[in-house]
Amino acid sequence: MHVVGVGPGDPDQVTFEAVAALRSCDFLVVSDKSATAGGTGMPDPLVAARGRLLERHLDPAPPVVRVVDPPRERAPDATATTGGYLAAVEDWHEARAAAYETALADHDGDAGFLVWGDPAFYDSTIRVLERVRRRGRLELDVRVVPGVSSVQLLAARHAIVLHEVGEPLHVTTGRRLAEAVAAGQDNVVVMLNRTITITGPEPEHPDLSDWSIWWGANLGTASEELVAGRVGDVVDAIEAARARARESAGWVMDVFLVRRGPETDR
């Protein structure tokens, strides 16, 4: 089976290797969050987005198997701590493994899993398939095809290098941004983020108002939004742009780089 990175959303950023892998599959598996996204029961717009991508590159496309994404505990009182969050993710991954195992067992041939961006960046598909393999019911030979990541596209859209000369780059989640700042990281890329907190008691909410930020949402799609500048000056613009992206597409995925100090000082 193949785990295929299909880029952030622009069909032009799907690699030749990814297209060849998808064409070799007998069926494709996508996670459908219609039943779990905010409890709305509305169609998952990311399933439709994958369908448009397949129409662009595959004629005809292999059958698409939709796997209902199990619900994940998101209540603040249950996930506020690192231990609570990891426990919630553990349960979610186990439920996903059971759902994927059923889908694979019920269909013959080579499966392909479509992954946004690159499978190596904050995606659970490889880990979940390893859980399926450990269950022992199915023999899995997993081959991974890399994709263009939202991190790469963010840098390209803003025409920047993600780090200063000779400096390290730290990639983390919004949940652990404060930890990275406290550790002295100067160039931090943040994924899996909901809001940008720029003020509050240290160290839970470090003051980022004088940092520089390059932010993007729904990169590579018609609802793409970009904002850059001093964090304290543009945080309201970012929240407005996130709202526009969600209103336009029905979903929002954002990523950003923050760098210590205003750009004019560096």
Protein backbone atom coordinates (compact mmCIF):
# COMPACT_ATOMS: atom_id res chain seq x y z
CA MET A 1 0.00 0.00 0.00
CA HIS A 2 0.98 3.62 -0.47
CA VAL A 3 0.80 6.61 1.87
CA VAL A 4 0.87 9.49 -0.57
CA GLY A 5 1.56 13.14 0.22
CA VAL A 6 -0.63 15.19 -2.11
CA GLY A 7 0.52 18.69 -1.15
CA PRO A 8 -1.34 21.48 0.66
CA GLY A 9 -4.21 21.72 -1.82
CA ASP A 10 -3.05 22.96 -5.23
CA PRO A 11 -3.28 20.12 -7.77
CA ASP A 12 -0.19 21.57 -9.49
CA GLN A 13 1.84 20.72 -6.39
CA VAL A 14 1.14 16.99 -6.56
CA THR A 15 4.40 15.35 -7.65
CA PHE A 16 4.82 13.00 -10.61
CA GLU A 17 5.79 10.27 -8.12
CA ALA A 18 2.55 10.80 -6.20
CA VAL A 19 0.44 10.59 -9.36
CA ALA A 20 2.20 7.38 -10.42
CA ALA A 21 1.61 5.86 -6.99
CA LEU A 22 -2.08 6.78 -7.00
CA ARG A 23 -2.51 5.32 -10.48
CA SER A 24 -1.03 2.03 -9.28
CA CYS A 25 -3.55 1.64 -6.43
CA ASP A 26 -6.65 -0.54 -6.67
CA PHE A 27 -8.57 1.67 -4.25
CA LEU A 28 -7.98 4.85 -2.27
CA VAL A 29 -8.80 5.50 1.38
CA VAL A 30 -9.83 8.90 2.74
CA SER A 31 -10.82 9.88 6.26
CA ASP A 32 -14.30 11.43 6.34
CA LYS A 33 -14.96 13.80 9.23
CA SER A 34 -18.56 14.59 8.28
CA ALA A 35 -19.92 12.91 11.39
CA THR A 36 -17.42 14.40 13.84
CA ALA A 37 -16.51 17.92 12.67
CA GLY A 38 -18.03 20.14 15.31
CA GLY A 39 -21.06 17.89 15.55
CA THR A 40 -22.59 19.57 12.49
CA GLY A 41 -23.00 16.45 10.38
CA MET A 42 -22.23 18.54 7.30
CA PRO A 43 -20.26 17.00 4.41
CA ASP A 44 -16.51 17.02 4.97
CA PRO A 45 -15.15 19.64 2.52
CA LEU A 46 -11.73 17.99 2.53
CA VAL A 47 -13.25 14.82 1.05
CA ALA A 48 -14.59 16.90 -1.82
CA ALA A 49 -11.20 18.60 -2.20
CA ARG A 50 -9.52 15.21 -2.56
CA GLY A 51 -12.09 14.28 -5.17
CA ARG A 52 -11.24 17.35 -7.26
CA LEU A 53 -7.56 16.50 -7.00
CA LEU A 54 -8.18 12.96 -8.24
CA GLU A 55 -10.30 14.21 -11.14
CA ARG A 56 -7.38 16.41 -12.19
CA HIS A 57 -4.76 13.66 -12.23
CA LEU A 58 -6.49 10.29 -12.63
CA ASP A 59 -8.80 9.19 -15.44
CA PRO A 60 -10.50 7.14 -14.26
CA ALA A 61 -9.76 7.32 -10.54
CA PRO A 62 -9.72 4.10 -8.51
CA PRO A 63 -12.68 3.58 -6.16
CA VAL A 64 -12.58 5.82 -3.09
CA VAL A 65 -13.33 4.22 0.28
CA ARG A 66 -14.50 6.71 2.88
CA VAL A 67 -13.64 5.79 6.46
CA VAL A 68 -15.65 7.66 9.08
CA ASP A 69 -13.15 9.41 11.33
CA PRO A 70 -13.71 8.40 14.97
CA PRO A 71 -14.49 11.22 17.39
CA ARG A 72 -11.62 12.60 19.45
CA GLU A 73 -11.88 14.01 22.95
CA ARG A 74 -11.41 17.79 22.65
CA ALA A 75 -12.99 19.13 25.85
CA PRO A 76 -10.60 21.65 27.44
CA ASP A 77 -10.89 20.08 30.90
CA ALA A 78 -9.82 16.71 29.46
CA THR A 79 -7.02 17.87 27.15
CA ALA A 80 -5.54 20.93 28.89
CA THR A 81 -2.59 18.98 30.25
CA THR A 82 0.00 17.22 28.10
CA GLY A 83 -0.96 13.89 29.67
CA GLY A 84 -4.65 14.41 28.99
CA TYR A 85 -3.99 15.45 25.40
CA LEU A 86 -1.74 12.46 24.71
CA ALA A 87 -4.29 10.10 26.23
CA ALA A 88 -7.00 11.53 23.97
CA VAL A 89 -4.79 11.12 20.91
CA GLU A 90 -3.90 7.56 21.96
CA ASP A 91 -7.57 6.59 22.11
CA TRP A 92 -8.25 8.32 18.79
CA HIS A 93 -5.37 6.55 17.03
CA GLU A 94 -6.55 3.19 18.36
CA ALA A 95 -10.06 3.81 17.07
CA ARG A 96 -8.67 4.92 13.73
CA ALA A 97 -6.56 1.76 13.49
CA ALA A 98 -9.67 -0.37 14.00
CA ALA A 99 -11.55 1.56 11.30
CA TYR A 100 -8.66 1.36 8.81
CA GLU A 101 -8.20 -2.36 9.50
CA THR A 102 -11.84 -3.00 8.64
CA ALA A 103 -11.63 -0.96 5.43
CA LEU A 104 -8.48 -2.76 4.29
CA ALA A 105 -9.84 -6.19 5.13
CA ASP A 106 -13.05 -5.50 3.20
CA HIS A 107 -11.31 -4.51 -0.06
CA ASP A 108 -8.89 -6.41 -2.25
CA GLY A 109 -5.72 -5.06 -3.81
CA ASP A 110 -3.26 -2.25 -3.21
CA ALA A 111 -4.60 0.62 -1.09
CA GLY A 112 -3.57 4.25 -1.29
CA PHE A 113 -3.98 6.74 1.56
CA LEU A 114 -4.13 10.41 0.55
CA VAL A 115 -2.36 12.68 3.03
CA TRP A 116 -2.40 16.48 2.92
CA GLY A 117 1.04 18.05 2.61
CA ASP A 118 3.78 15.58 3.52
CA PRO A 119 3.12 12.45 5.62
CA ALA A 120 6.15 13.24 7.81
CA PHE A 121 4.67 16.49 9.22
CA TYR A 122 2.07 16.12 11.98
CA ASP A 123 0.00 13.43 10.32
CA SER A 124 -1.10 10.21 11.99
CA THR A 125 -1.52 7.92 8.97
CA ILE A 126 1.85 6.17 9.17
CA ARG A 127 1.52 5.65 12.95
CA VAL A 128 -2.04 4.34 12.61
CA LEU A 129 -1.07 1.87 9.87
CA GLU A 130 1.76 0.63 12.10
CA ARG A 131 -0.89 -0.08 14.76
CA VAL A 132 -2.87 -2.03 12.16
CA ARG A 133 0.24 -4.05 11.31
CA ARG A 134 0.88 -4.84 14.99
CA ARG A 135 -2.63 -6.23 15.37
CA GLY A 136 -1.47 -9.15 13.22
CA ARG A 137 -4.62 -9.60 11.16
CA LEU A 138 -3.19 -8.05 7.99
CA GLU A 139 0.25 -8.09 6.38
CA LEU A 140 1.13 -4.55 5.39
CA ASP A 141 3.93 -3.32 3.18
CA VAL A 142 3.76 0.46 3.55
CA ARG A 143 5.49 2.65 0.99
CA VAL A 144 5.55 6.40 1.59
CA VAL A 145 5.56 9.03 -1.16
CA PRO A 146 6.62 12.50 0.06
CA GLY A 147 4.65 15.60 -0.79
CA VAL A 148 5.07 19.36 -0.84
CA SER A 149 4.42 20.54 2.72
CA SER A 150 2.56 23.64 3.88
CA VAL A 151 5.82 24.69 5.56
CA GLN A 152 7.59 24.80 2.19
CA LEU A 153 4.69 26.61 0.56
CA LEU A 154 4.52 29.18 3.37
CA ALA A 155 8.16 30.11 2.75
CA ALA A 156 7.60 30.26 -1.00
CA ARG A 157 4.49 32.43 -0.77
CA HIS A 158 6.26 34.96 1.46
CA ALA A 159 9.55 34.64 -0.49
CA ILE A 160 11.56 34.04 2.69
CA VAL A 161 14.09 31.64 4.14
CA LEU A 162 12.67 30.02 7.26
CA HIS A 163 15.77 30.72 9.38
CA GLU A 164 18.56 33.25 9.55
CA VAL A 165 22.09 32.36 8.37
CA GLY A 166 23.42 29.38 10.31
CA GLU A 167 20.51 29.37 12.76
CA PRO A 168 18.32 26.37 13.66
CA LEU A 169 14.68 26.04 12.70
CA HIS A 170 12.21 24.68 15.27
CA VAL A 171 8.93 23.13 14.08
CA THR A 172 6.23 22.62 16.70
CA THR A 173 2.53 22.90 17.46
CA GLY A 174 0.51 25.80 18.81
CA ARG A 175 0.17 23.87 22.07
CA ARG A 176 3.96 23.88 22.53
CA LEU A 177 4.88 27.31 21.16
CA ALA A 178 5.43 28.75 24.64
CA GLU A 179 7.82 25.90 25.42
CA ALA A 180 9.86 26.67 22.30
CA VAL A 181 10.05 30.37 23.15
CA ALA A 182 11.11 29.62 26.73
CA ALA A 183 13.85 27.33 25.39
CA GLY A 184 15.33 30.24 23.41
CA GLN A 185 14.25 29.25 19.91
CA ASP A 186 14.41 32.23 17.53
CA ASN A 187 12.85 30.76 14.35
CA VAL A 188 9.70 28.76 15.10
CA VAL A 189 7.29 27.24 12.58
CA VAL A 190 3.91 26.44 14.13
CA MET A 191 1.43 23.90 12.80
CA LEU A 192 -1.86 22.56 14.26
CA ASN A 193 -2.73 25.98 15.57
CA ARG A 194 -6.06 27.60 16.48
CA THR A 195 -5.22 31.07 17.78
CA ILE A 196 -2.16 33.24 18.34
CA THR A 197 -1.86 34.37 21.95
CA ILE A 198 0.54 37.31 22.17
CA THR A 199 0.02 38.44 25.75
CA GLY A 200 -0.52 36.81 29.11
CA PRO A 201 1.40 35.51 32.09
CA GLU A 202 4.81 34.05 31.38
CA PRO A 203 5.64 31.32 30.56
CA GLU A 204 2.21 29.98 29.57
CA HIS A 205 1.62 32.84 27.12
CA PRO A 206 4.90 34.54 26.19
CA ASP A 207 4.67 38.07 24.87
CA LEU A 208 5.21 37.76 21.11
CA SER A 209 4.02 41.24 20.21
CA ASP A 210 7.50 42.37 19.07
CA TRP A 211 8.23 39.19 17.11
CA SER A 212 7.90 39.00 13.33
CA ILE A 213 5.36 36.65 11.79
CA TRP A 214 4.70 35.17 8.36
CA TRP A 215 1.31 33.48 8.38
CA GLY A 216 -0.77 31.57 5.84
CA ALA A 217 -4.04 29.65 5.74
CA ASN A 218 -5.46 27.17 3.20
CA LEU A 219 -2.27 27.50 1.21
CA GLY A 220 -2.50 26.43 -2.41
CA THR A 221 -6.28 26.76 -2.56
CA ALA A 222 -8.75 29.37 -3.80
CA SER A 223 -9.32 30.46 -0.18
CA GLU A 224 -5.62 31.09 0.55
CA GLU A 225 -4.85 33.94 2.95
CA LEU A 226 -1.47 35.52 3.76
CA VAL A 227 -0.44 38.03 6.44
CA ALA A 228 3.03 39.19 7.52
CA GLY A 229 4.44 41.81 9.86
CA ARG A 230 5.05 42.57 13.52
CA VAL A 231 2.84 40.23 15.55
CA GLY A 232 1.37 43.01 17.69
CA ASP A 233 0.39 44.94 14.57
CA VAL A 234 -1.16 42.11 12.55
CA VAL A 235 -2.75 39.68 15.02
CA ASP A 236 -6.22 41.13 14.40
CA ALA A 237 -5.65 40.93 10.64
CA ILE A 238 -4.73 37.26 11.03
CA GLU A 239 -7.92 36.46 12.93
CA ALA A 240 -9.96 38.25 10.25
CA ALA A 241 -8.13 36.32 7.52
CA ARG A 242 -8.78 33.00 9.31
CA ALA A 243 -12.47 33.85 9.42
CA ARG A 244 -12.50 34.66 5.70
CA ALA A 245 -10.75 31.38 4.85
CA ARG A 246 -13.22 29.36 6.91
CA GLU A 247 -16.19 31.21 5.43
CA SER A 248 -14.90 30.64 1.90
CA ALA A 249 -13.84 27.00 2.15
CA GLY A 250 -15.74 25.61 5.13
CA TRP A 251 -12.44 24.70 6.79
CA VAL A 252 -9.15 26.32 7.72
CA MET A 253 -5.59 24.98 8.02
CA ASP A 254 -2.99 27.52 8.97
CA VAL A 255 0.75 27.54 9.49
CA PHE A 256 3.12 30.33 10.45
CA LEU A 257 6.70 31.28 11.16
CA VAL A 258 7.52 33.54 14.09
CA ARG A 259 10.98 35.06 14.47
CA ARG A 260 12.29 36.80 17.56
CA GLY A 261 12.44 40.57 17.16
CA PRO A 262 11.03 42.85 14.44
CA GLU A 263 12.42 42.18 10.98
CA THR A 264 13.73 45.75 10.80
CA ASP A 265 15.98 45.03 13.81
CA ARG A 266 17.67 42.01 12.23
